[in-house]
């Protein structure tokens, strides 16, 4: 059975003045980073032990791409 929410719990407490809380905020502080985009990839633990840095992972992936290109060009010939 779901508990019924009290109406007072849904309201912002009177002691919280949003004008004061948001006074120090900077609009669009992280906008450039957001628009630049990010690629977050979660590595499995065994892969993480093999590749200790993002640079090492990128090098390995570039090698895989090169090998794939080479294999596909041989298949066409």
Protein backbone atom coordinates (compact mmCIF):
# COMPACT_ATOMS: atom_id res chain seq x y z
CA UNK A 1 0.00 0.00 0.00
CA UNK A 2 1.40 3.41 -0.97
CA UNK A 3 1.71 5.99 1.72
CA UNK A 4 -0.23 9.13 1.13
CA UNK A 5 2.01 12.14 0.80
CA UNK A 6 1.36 15.07 3.03
CA UNK A 7 0.78 18.27 1.06
CA UNK A 8 3.28 20.15 3.22
CA UNK A 9 6.09 17.76 2.18
CA UNK A 10 5.69 18.78 -1.46
CA UNK A 11 6.15 22.46 -0.79
CA UNK A 12 9.42 24.32 -0.40
CA UNK A 13 10.04 25.26 3.21
CA UNK A 14 9.62 28.94 4.00
CA UNK A 15 13.15 29.28 5.35
CA UNK A 16 14.55 28.47 1.90
CA UNK A 17 14.72 31.69 -0.07
CA UNK A 18 15.52 30.80 -3.68
CA UNK A 19 16.71 34.33 -4.39
CA UNK A 20 19.49 33.84 -1.83
CA UNK A 21 20.26 30.24 -2.81
CA UNK A 22 20.56 31.02 -6.52
CA UNK A 23 22.33 34.36 -6.07
CA UNK A 24 25.85 32.94 -6.51
CA UNK A 25 24.90 30.72 -9.43
CA UNK A 26 26.32 31.40 -12.88
CA UNK A 27 24.01 30.81 -15.81
CA UNK A 28 25.52 28.54 -18.47
CA UNK A 29 28.66 27.83 -16.45
CA UNK A 30 29.12 24.40 -18.04
CA UNK A 31 27.39 25.08 -21.36
CA UNK A 32 30.57 24.89 -23.46
CA UNK A 33 31.51 21.52 -21.98
CA UNK A 34 27.99 20.20 -22.51
CA UNK A 35 27.84 21.30 -26.13
CA UNK A 36 31.33 19.91 -26.80
CA UNK A 37 29.94 16.53 -25.86
CA UNK A 38 31.43 13.66 -23.99
CA UNK A 39 31.78 9.96 -24.60
CA UNK A 40 31.72 8.07 -21.39
CA UNK A 41 32.47 4.38 -21.72
CA UNK A 42 32.43 2.00 -18.77
CA UNK A 43 35.13 -0.63 -19.08
CA UNK A 44 34.83 -4.10 -17.61
CA UNK A 45 37.29 -4.82 -14.78
CA UNK A 46 39.46 -7.17 -16.85
CA UNK A 47 39.80 -4.57 -19.62
CA UNK A 48 40.56 -1.86 -17.08
CA UNK A 49 43.47 -3.91 -15.73
CA UNK A 50 44.94 -4.30 -19.21
CA UNK A 51 44.56 -0.66 -20.28
CA UNK A 52 45.62 1.66 -17.49
CA UNK A 53 44.80 4.92 -19.29
CA UNK A 54 42.42 6.39 -21.81
CA UNK A 55 45.35 6.95 -24.14
CA UNK A 56 46.14 3.22 -24.17
CA UNK A 57 42.52 2.35 -24.93
CA UNK A 58 42.41 4.86 -27.79
CA UNK A 59 45.62 3.48 -29.30
CA UNK A 60 44.26 -0.08 -29.18
CA UNK A 61 40.97 0.97 -30.77
CA UNK A 62 42.77 2.85 -33.55
CA UNK A 63 44.80 -0.28 -34.27
CA UNK A 64 41.59 -2.34 -34.46
CA UNK A 65 40.14 0.16 -36.94
CA UNK A 66 43.26 0.02 -39.10
CA UNK A 67 43.24 -3.79 -39.09
CA UNK A 68 39.57 -3.81 -40.01
CA UNK A 69 40.22 -1.46 -42.94
CA UNK A 70 43.10 -3.62 -44.13
CA UNK A 71 41.00 -6.78 -43.90
CA UNK A 72 38.10 -5.24 -45.81
CA UNK A 73 40.39 -3.94 -48.57
CA UNK A 74 41.94 -7.43 -48.98
CA UNK A 75 38.47 -8.98 -49.22
CA UNK A 76 37.55 -6.59 -52.03
CA UNK A 77 40.69 -7.33 -54.04
